Amino acid sequence: MPDAAGPVKRSLTLSGHRTSVTLEPPFWAALAEMARERGASLNALAARIDAARAPGVGLASALRVAVLAWARAR
């Protein structure tokens, strides 16, 4: 059964700039696990995803898609 908690807003620092992102708790947990697995901080992982996203794609969407790709590859 999916987590019933609503989205959570967190602040990230991407390339020296603060930004806020709202994601559901399971996505935050998966991003943290991805970062640990890659030996990176959550900010560093998010910055990599941010740098690779296509123009017009929101950061939250890019983070969710990255989590989905990571989970499918496992």
N, C-alpha and C. Protein backbone atom coordinates (compact mmCIF):
# COMPACT_ATOMS: atom_id res chain seq x y z
N MET A 1 0.85 -1.18 0.00
CA MET A 1 0.00 0.00 0.00
C MET A 1 0.89 1.24 0.00
N PRO A 2 0.62 2.22 -0.86
CA PRO A 2 1.44 3.43 -0.92
C PRO A 2 1.38 4.23 0.37
N ASP A 3 2.42 5.00 0.60
CA ASP A 3 2.48 5.90 1.75
C ASP A 3 1.38 6.95 1.60
N ALA A 4 0.57 7.12 2.62
CA ALA A 4 -0.55 8.05 2.55
C ALA A 4 -0.15 9.49 2.87
N ALA A 5 1.10 9.70 3.31
CA ALA A 5 1.55 11.04 3.65
C ALA A 5 1.57 11.92 2.41
N GLY A 6 1.23 13.17 2.60
CA GLY A 6 1.24 14.11 1.49
C GLY A 6 2.66 14.55 1.15
N PRO A 7 2.78 15.31 0.09
CA PRO A 7 4.09 15.80 -0.34
C PRO A 7 4.79 16.62 0.74
N VAL A 8 6.12 16.55 0.70
CA VAL A 8 6.96 17.26 1.67
C VAL A 8 7.87 18.21 0.90
N LYS A 9 7.92 19.46 1.34
CA LYS A 9 8.77 20.46 0.71
C LYS A 9 10.11 20.50 1.45
N ARG A 10 11.20 20.42 0.69
CA ARG A 10 12.54 20.50 1.27
C ARG A 10 13.37 21.47 0.46
N SER A 11 14.36 22.05 1.14
CA SER A 11 15.30 22.95 0.47
C SER A 11 16.53 22.17 0.06
N LEU A 12 17.01 22.44 -1.14
CA LEU A 12 18.23 21.84 -1.66
C LEU A 12 19.16 22.96 -2.11
N THR A 13 20.44 22.66 -2.12
CA THR A 13 21.41 23.59 -2.68
C THR A 13 21.98 22.96 -3.93
N LEU A 14 21.72 23.59 -5.06
CA LEU A 14 22.17 23.08 -6.35
C LEU A 14 23.13 24.09 -6.96
N SER A 15 24.37 23.69 -7.10
CA SER A 15 25.39 24.57 -7.68
C SER A 15 25.44 25.92 -6.97
N GLY A 16 25.36 25.89 -5.65
CA GLY A 16 25.45 27.10 -4.84
C GLY A 16 24.17 27.89 -4.69
N HIS A 17 23.08 27.43 -5.29
CA HIS A 17 21.80 28.15 -5.22
C HIS A 17 20.78 27.31 -4.47
N ARG A 18 20.06 27.96 -3.55
CA ARG A 18 19.01 27.28 -2.80
C ARG A 18 17.74 27.23 -3.62
N THR A 19 17.07 26.09 -3.53
CA THR A 19 15.78 25.92 -4.19
C THR A 19 14.93 24.98 -3.35
N SER A 20 13.64 25.08 -3.47
CA SER A 20 12.73 24.20 -2.76
C SER A 20 12.10 23.22 -3.73
N VAL A 21 11.96 21.98 -3.28
CA VAL A 21 11.35 20.94 -4.09
C VAL A 21 10.32 20.21 -3.23
N THR A 22 9.19 19.91 -3.82
CA THR A 22 8.13 19.18 -3.12
C THR A 22 7.98 17.81 -3.76
N LEU A 23 8.20 16.77 -2.94
CA LEU A 23 8.05 15.38 -3.38
C LEU A 23 7.36 14.58 -2.29
N GLU A 24 6.80 13.47 -2.67
CA GLU A 24 6.19 12.56 -1.72
C GLU A 24 7.31 11.85 -0.94
N PRO A 25 7.03 11.49 0.33
CA PRO A 25 8.06 10.85 1.17
C PRO A 25 8.76 9.64 0.54
N PRO A 26 8.06 8.75 -0.19
CA PRO A 26 8.79 7.64 -0.80
C PRO A 26 9.85 8.09 -1.82
N PHE A 27 9.59 9.18 -2.51
CA PHE A 27 10.59 9.69 -3.45
C PHE A 27 11.78 10.27 -2.70
N TRP A 28 11.55 10.98 -1.60
CA TRP A 28 12.67 11.49 -0.80
C TRP A 28 13.51 10.33 -0.27
N ALA A 29 12.85 9.29 0.19
CA ALA A 29 13.57 8.12 0.72
C ALA A 29 14.40 7.45 -0.37
N ALA A 30 13.82 7.30 -1.55
CA ALA A 30 14.55 6.67 -2.66
C ALA A 30 15.72 7.53 -3.11
N LEU A 31 15.53 8.84 -3.16
CA LEU A 31 16.64 9.73 -3.53
C LEU A 31 17.78 9.63 -2.52
N ALA A 32 17.45 9.55 -1.24
CA ALA A 32 18.47 9.40 -0.22
C ALA A 32 19.22 8.08 -0.39
N GLU A 33 18.49 7.02 -0.71
CA GLU A 33 19.12 5.72 -0.93
C GLU A 33 20.01 5.75 -2.18
N MET A 34 19.54 6.39 -3.24
CA MET A 34 20.35 6.55 -4.45
C MET A 34 21.65 7.28 -4.14
N ALA A 35 21.54 8.36 -3.39
CA ALA A 35 22.72 9.15 -3.05
C ALA A 35 23.71 8.31 -2.23
N ARG A 36 23.21 7.59 -1.23
CA ARG A 36 24.09 6.72 -0.42
C ARG A 36 24.78 5.68 -1.29
N GLU A 37 24.01 5.06 -2.17
CA GLU A 37 24.53 4.02 -3.05
C GLU A 37 25.64 4.56 -3.95
N ARG A 38 25.53 5.81 -4.32
CA ARG A 38 26.51 6.44 -5.21
C ARG A 38 27.59 7.20 -4.47
N GLY A 39 27.53 7.18 -3.16
CA GLY A 39 28.54 7.87 -2.36
C GLY A 39 28.48 9.38 -2.51
N ALA A 40 27.28 9.91 -2.69
CA ALA A 40 27.10 11.34 -2.90
C ALA A 40 26.10 11.88 -1.88
N SER A 41 26.13 13.17 -1.69
CA SER A 41 25.11 13.81 -0.85
C SER A 41 23.83 13.94 -1.67
N LEU A 42 22.74 14.15 -0.99
CA LEU A 42 21.46 14.36 -1.68
C LEU A 42 21.55 15.60 -2.57
N ASN A 43 22.19 16.65 -2.07
CA ASN A 43 22.35 17.87 -2.87
C ASN A 43 23.16 17.59 -4.14
N ALA A 44 24.25 16.82 -4.01
CA ALA A 44 25.09 16.52 -5.17
C ALA A 44 24.32 15.70 -6.20
N LEU A 45 23.58 14.70 -5.74
CA LEU A 45 22.78 13.88 -6.65
C LEU A 45 21.73 14.74 -7.35
N ALA A 46 21.03 15.56 -6.59
CA ALA A 46 20.00 16.43 -7.17
C ALA A 46 20.62 17.41 -8.17
N ALA A 47 21.82 17.90 -7.88
CA ALA A 47 22.49 18.81 -8.80
C ALA A 47 22.83 18.12 -10.12
N ARG A 48 23.25 16.85 -10.04
CA ARG A 48 23.54 16.09 -11.27
C ARG A 48 22.27 15.89 -12.09
N ILE A 49 21.19 15.53 -11.41
CA ILE A 49 19.91 15.33 -12.10
C ILE A 49 19.43 16.65 -12.70
N ASP A 50 19.59 17.72 -11.96
CA ASP A 50 19.19 19.06 -12.42
C ASP A 50 19.97 19.44 -13.68
N ALA A 51 21.27 19.20 -13.68
CA ALA A 51 22.11 19.57 -14.82
C ALA A 51 21.76 18.78 -16.08
N ALA A 52 21.24 17.57 -15.89
CA ALA A 52 20.94 16.69 -17.04
C ALA A 52 19.51 16.82 -17.55
N ARG A 53 18.66 17.54 -16.84
CA ARG A 53 17.26 17.58 -17.25
C ARG A 53 17.07 18.46 -18.49
N ALA A 54 16.08 18.08 -19.27
CA ALA A 54 15.77 18.81 -20.50
C ALA A 54 15.12 20.15 -20.17
N PRO A 55 15.32 21.13 -21.03
CA PRO A 55 14.65 22.42 -20.83
C PRO A 55 13.13 22.21 -20.77
N GLY A 56 12.50 22.92 -19.88
CA GLY A 56 11.05 22.82 -19.75
C GLY A 56 10.58 21.72 -18.81
N VAL A 57 11.50 20.87 -18.35
CA VAL A 57 11.15 19.80 -17.40
C VAL A 57 11.41 20.32 -16.00
N GLY A 58 10.42 20.27 -15.15
CA GLY A 58 10.57 20.74 -13.78
C GLY A 58 11.51 19.84 -12.98
N LEU A 59 12.14 20.43 -11.98
CA LEU A 59 13.09 19.68 -11.15
C LEU A 59 12.41 18.51 -10.44
N ALA A 60 11.24 18.73 -9.87
CA ALA A 60 10.54 17.64 -9.17
C ALA A 60 10.25 16.49 -10.12
N SER A 61 9.81 16.80 -11.33
CA SER A 61 9.55 15.75 -12.32
C SER A 61 10.83 15.01 -12.67
N ALA A 62 11.91 15.74 -12.87
CA ALA A 62 13.19 15.12 -13.21
C ALA A 62 13.66 14.20 -12.08
N LEU A 63 13.46 14.61 -10.83
CA LEU A 63 13.85 13.78 -9.70
C LEU A 63 13.01 12.51 -9.65
N ARG A 64 11.71 12.63 -9.87
CA ARG A 64 10.83 11.45 -9.87
C ARG A 64 11.22 10.47 -10.98
N VAL A 65 11.48 10.98 -12.17
CA VAL A 65 11.86 10.13 -13.29
C VAL A 65 13.20 9.45 -13.01
N ALA A 66 14.14 10.16 -12.41
CA ALA A 66 15.43 9.56 -12.05
C ALA A 66 15.25 8.43 -11.05
N VAL A 67 14.38 8.63 -10.07
CA VAL A 67 14.09 7.57 -9.10
C VAL A 67 13.48 6.37 -9.80
N LEU A 68 12.54 6.61 -10.70
CA LEU A 68 11.90 5.51 -11.43
C LEU A 68 12.93 4.74 -12.25
N ALA A 69 13.80 5.44 -12.96
CA ALA A 69 14.83 4.76 -13.77
C ALA A 69 15.77 3.95 -12.88
N TRP A 70 16.16 4.51 -11.75
CA TRP A 70 17.04 3.82 -10.80
C TRP A 70 16.36 2.56 -10.27
N ALA A 71 15.09 2.69 -9.89
CA ALA A 71 14.36 1.54 -9.33
C ALA A 71 14.18 0.44 -10.38
N ARG A 72 13.89 0.83 -11.61
CA ARG A 72 13.71 -0.18 -12.67
C ARG A 72 15.01 -0.89 -12.99
N ALA A 73 16.13 -0.19 -12.86
CA ALA A 73 17.44 -0.79 -13.18
C ALA A 73 17.90 -1.76 -12.10
N ARG A 74 17.26 -1.73 -10.95
CA ARG A 74 17.70 -2.59 -9.83
C ARG A 74 17.24 -3.97 -10.01
